[in-house]
Amino acid sequence: MKFTGVITKEERWYVAHCVELGVVSQGKTIEEAQANLKEAVELYLESFGTEELPESKGEVVLYPLEVGVSD
């Protein structure tokens, strides 16, 4: 199965999030966060099964977005 993983840097940790399942993990490096998220998703699937789960449907584009906010 294919899912979308997003990693953000939060202070000293990289936080990895599976968009479709809401599973989150972390690591001290990007590679560690990826491996930990993969393991967490596998455990999630073992616990809850794979029926009716949303899969990634295609290309994901992420970009920094800045907007002006008036007080």
N, C-alpha and C. Protein backbone atom coordinates (compact mmCIF):
# COMPACT_ATOMS: atom_id res chain seq x y z
N MET A 1 0.84 -1.18 0.00
CA MET A 1 0.00 0.00 0.00
C MET A 1 0.89 1.24 0.00
N LYS A 2 0.38 2.30 -0.57
CA LYS A 2 1.12 3.56 -0.61
C LYS A 2 0.38 4.63 0.18
N PHE A 3 1.15 5.34 0.98
CA PHE A 3 0.62 6.43 1.77
C PHE A 3 1.52 7.65 1.61
N THR A 4 1.06 8.77 2.12
CA THR A 4 1.83 10.00 2.05
C THR A 4 2.45 10.29 3.41
N GLY A 5 3.76 10.43 3.44
CA GLY A 5 4.47 10.79 4.67
C GLY A 5 4.98 12.21 4.58
N VAL A 6 4.79 12.96 5.63
CA VAL A 6 5.27 14.35 5.72
C VAL A 6 6.16 14.45 6.95
N ILE A 7 7.33 15.04 6.77
CA ILE A 7 8.26 15.21 7.89
C ILE A 7 8.50 16.69 8.11
N THR A 8 8.38 17.10 9.37
CA THR A 8 8.68 18.48 9.73
C THR A 8 9.74 18.47 10.82
N LYS A 9 10.51 19.54 10.87
CA LYS A 9 11.55 19.68 11.89
C LYS A 9 10.97 20.51 13.03
N GLU A 10 10.97 19.94 14.22
CA GLU A 10 10.47 20.65 15.40
C GLU A 10 11.54 20.62 16.47
N GLU A 11 12.19 21.74 16.65
CA GLU A 11 13.32 21.89 17.56
C GLU A 11 14.38 20.83 17.26
N ARG A 12 14.57 19.84 18.14
CA ARG A 12 15.64 18.86 17.94
C ARG A 12 15.16 17.57 17.27
N TRP A 13 13.87 17.44 17.00
CA TRP A 13 13.31 16.21 16.47
C TRP A 13 12.70 16.42 15.09
N TYR A 14 12.73 15.38 14.28
CA TYR A 14 11.98 15.35 13.03
C TYR A 14 10.69 14.58 13.32
N VAL A 15 9.56 15.17 13.00
CA VAL A 15 8.26 14.54 13.25
C VAL A 15 7.69 14.09 11.91
N ALA A 16 7.38 12.78 11.83
CA ALA A 16 6.86 12.19 10.61
C ALA A 16 5.38 11.87 10.80
N HIS A 17 4.58 12.22 9.80
CA HIS A 17 3.13 12.07 9.88
C HIS A 17 2.62 11.38 8.62
N CYS A 18 1.83 10.33 8.79
CA CYS A 18 1.17 9.67 7.67
C CYS A 18 -0.17 10.37 7.47
N VAL A 19 -0.31 11.08 6.37
CA VAL A 19 -1.47 11.93 6.13
C VAL A 19 -2.77 11.14 6.13
N GLU A 20 -2.80 10.03 5.41
CA GLU A 20 -4.05 9.28 5.25
C GLU A 20 -4.53 8.61 6.53
N LEU A 21 -3.61 8.17 7.38
CA LEU A 21 -3.98 7.39 8.56
C LEU A 21 -3.92 8.19 9.86
N GLY A 22 -3.25 9.33 9.86
CA GLY A 22 -3.10 10.11 11.08
C GLY A 22 -2.07 9.53 12.04
N VAL A 23 -1.22 8.63 11.56
CA VAL A 23 -0.17 8.02 12.38
C VAL A 23 1.02 8.97 12.43
N VAL A 24 1.59 9.14 13.62
CA VAL A 24 2.71 10.06 13.81
C VAL A 24 3.84 9.35 14.53
N SER A 25 5.08 9.67 14.15
CA SER A 25 6.26 9.17 14.84
C SER A 25 7.33 10.25 14.77
N GLN A 26 8.51 9.95 15.30
CA GLN A 26 9.57 10.96 15.29
C GLN A 26 10.92 10.29 15.27
N GLY A 27 11.96 11.09 15.03
CA GLY A 27 13.33 10.60 15.07
C GLY A 27 14.29 11.76 15.16
N LYS A 28 15.53 11.45 15.52
CA LYS A 28 16.55 12.50 15.61
C LYS A 28 17.09 12.89 14.25
N THR A 29 16.92 12.03 13.24
CA THR A 29 17.31 12.32 11.87
C THR A 29 16.10 12.07 10.97
N ILE A 30 16.17 12.57 9.74
CA ILE A 30 15.10 12.32 8.78
C ILE A 30 14.95 10.82 8.53
N GLU A 31 16.08 10.14 8.37
CA GLU A 31 16.05 8.71 8.10
C GLU A 31 15.42 7.93 9.26
N GLU A 32 15.76 8.33 10.47
CA GLU A 32 15.19 7.67 11.65
C GLU A 32 13.69 7.93 11.74
N ALA A 33 13.27 9.15 11.45
CA ALA A 33 11.85 9.48 11.47
C ALA A 33 11.10 8.67 10.41
N GLN A 34 11.69 8.52 9.22
CA GLN A 34 11.06 7.72 8.16
C GLN A 34 10.92 6.27 8.58
N ALA A 35 11.98 5.70 9.13
CA ALA A 35 11.95 4.30 9.56
C ALA A 35 10.94 4.10 10.69
N ASN A 36 10.89 5.04 11.62
CA ASN A 36 9.95 4.93 12.73
C ASN A 36 8.51 5.07 12.26
N LEU A 37 8.26 5.95 11.29
CA LEU A 37 6.91 6.09 10.75
C LEU A 37 6.50 4.83 10.01
N LYS A 38 7.41 4.25 9.23
CA LYS A 38 7.09 3.01 8.52
C LYS A 38 6.69 1.92 9.51
N GLU A 39 7.46 1.78 10.58
CA GLU A 39 7.16 0.78 11.60
C GLU A 39 5.81 1.07 12.26
N ALA A 40 5.55 2.34 12.56
CA ALA A 40 4.29 2.72 13.21
C ALA A 40 3.09 2.44 12.30
N VAL A 41 3.24 2.70 11.00
CA VAL A 41 2.16 2.41 10.05
C VAL A 41 1.94 0.92 9.94
N GLU A 42 3.02 0.14 9.89
CA GLU A 42 2.88 -1.32 9.83
C GLU A 42 2.16 -1.85 11.06
N LEU A 43 2.49 -1.34 12.24
CA LEU A 43 1.81 -1.75 13.46
C LEU A 43 0.34 -1.34 13.45
N TYR A 44 0.06 -0.16 12.93
CA TYR A 44 -1.32 0.32 12.80
C TYR A 44 -2.11 -0.63 11.91
N LEU A 45 -1.54 -1.00 10.76
CA LEU A 45 -2.23 -1.89 9.83
C LEU A 45 -2.43 -3.27 10.42
N GLU A 46 -1.46 -3.76 11.18
CA GLU A 46 -1.61 -5.06 11.85
C GLU A 46 -2.75 -5.02 12.87
N SER A 47 -2.88 -3.90 13.55
CA SER A 47 -3.90 -3.78 14.60
C SER A 47 -5.31 -3.55 14.04
N PHE A 48 -5.41 -2.73 12.99
CA PHE A 48 -6.73 -2.32 12.50
C PHE A 48 -7.10 -2.90 11.14
N GLY A 49 -6.20 -3.61 10.49
CA GLY A 49 -6.50 -4.19 9.18
C GLY A 49 -6.35 -3.19 8.06
N THR A 50 -6.62 -3.66 6.85
CA THR A 50 -6.41 -2.82 5.67
C THR A 50 -7.70 -2.56 4.89
N GLU A 51 -8.82 -3.02 5.40
CA GLU A 51 -10.08 -2.79 4.69
C GLU A 51 -10.48 -1.32 4.75
N GLU A 52 -10.90 -0.82 3.60
CA GLU A 52 -11.43 0.54 3.48
C GLU A 52 -10.46 1.63 3.94
N LEU A 53 -9.18 1.41 3.75
CA LEU A 53 -8.21 2.44 4.10
C LEU A 53 -7.92 3.30 2.88
N PRO A 54 -7.82 4.61 3.07
CA PRO A 54 -7.47 5.48 1.94
C PRO A 54 -5.99 5.33 1.61
N GLU A 55 -5.69 5.19 0.32
CA GLU A 55 -4.31 5.17 -0.14
C GLU A 55 -4.00 6.49 -0.81
N SER A 56 -2.71 6.79 -0.91
CA SER A 56 -2.28 7.96 -1.65
C SER A 56 -2.71 7.79 -3.10
N LYS A 57 -3.30 8.82 -3.68
CA LYS A 57 -3.82 8.73 -5.04
C LYS A 57 -2.91 9.34 -6.09
N GLY A 58 -1.81 9.93 -5.71
CA GLY A 58 -0.96 10.52 -6.72
C GLY A 58 0.10 11.43 -6.13
N GLU A 59 0.58 12.31 -6.97
CA GLU A 59 1.66 13.21 -6.59
C GLU A 59 1.21 14.19 -5.53
N VAL A 60 2.09 14.43 -4.57
CA VAL A 60 1.83 15.40 -3.50
C VAL A 60 2.83 16.53 -3.67
N VAL A 61 2.35 17.74 -3.65
CA VAL A 61 3.22 18.91 -3.76
C VAL A 61 3.11 19.71 -2.47
N LEU A 62 4.24 19.89 -1.81
CA LEU A 62 4.30 20.69 -0.60
C LEU A 62 5.16 21.91 -0.88
N TYR A 63 4.76 23.04 -0.34
CA TYR A 63 5.54 24.25 -0.53
C TYR A 63 5.31 25.19 0.64
N PRO A 64 6.30 26.05 0.94
CA PRO A 64 6.10 27.02 2.01
C PRO A 64 5.08 28.08 1.56
N LEU A 65 4.14 28.38 2.41
CA LEU A 65 3.08 29.32 2.08
C LEU A 65 3.09 30.44 3.11
N GLU A 66 3.25 31.66 2.63
CA GLU A 66 3.23 32.82 3.52
C GLU A 66 2.05 33.69 3.15
N VAL A 67 1.33 34.15 4.15
CA VAL A 67 0.21 35.04 3.92
C VAL A 67 0.31 36.23 4.85
N GLY A 68 -0.20 37.34 4.42
CA GLY A 68 -0.23 38.52 5.27
C GLY A 68 -1.45 38.46 6.19
N VAL A 69 -1.29 38.88 7.42
CA VAL A 69 -2.37 38.90 8.38
C VAL A 69 -2.47 40.28 8.97
N SER A 70 -3.66 40.86 8.90
CA SER A 70 -3.82 42.18 9.50
C SER A 70 -4.45 42.05 10.88
N ASP A 71 -4.02 42.91 11.78
CA ASP A 71 -4.54 42.86 13.16
C ASP A 71 -5.84 43.57 13.30
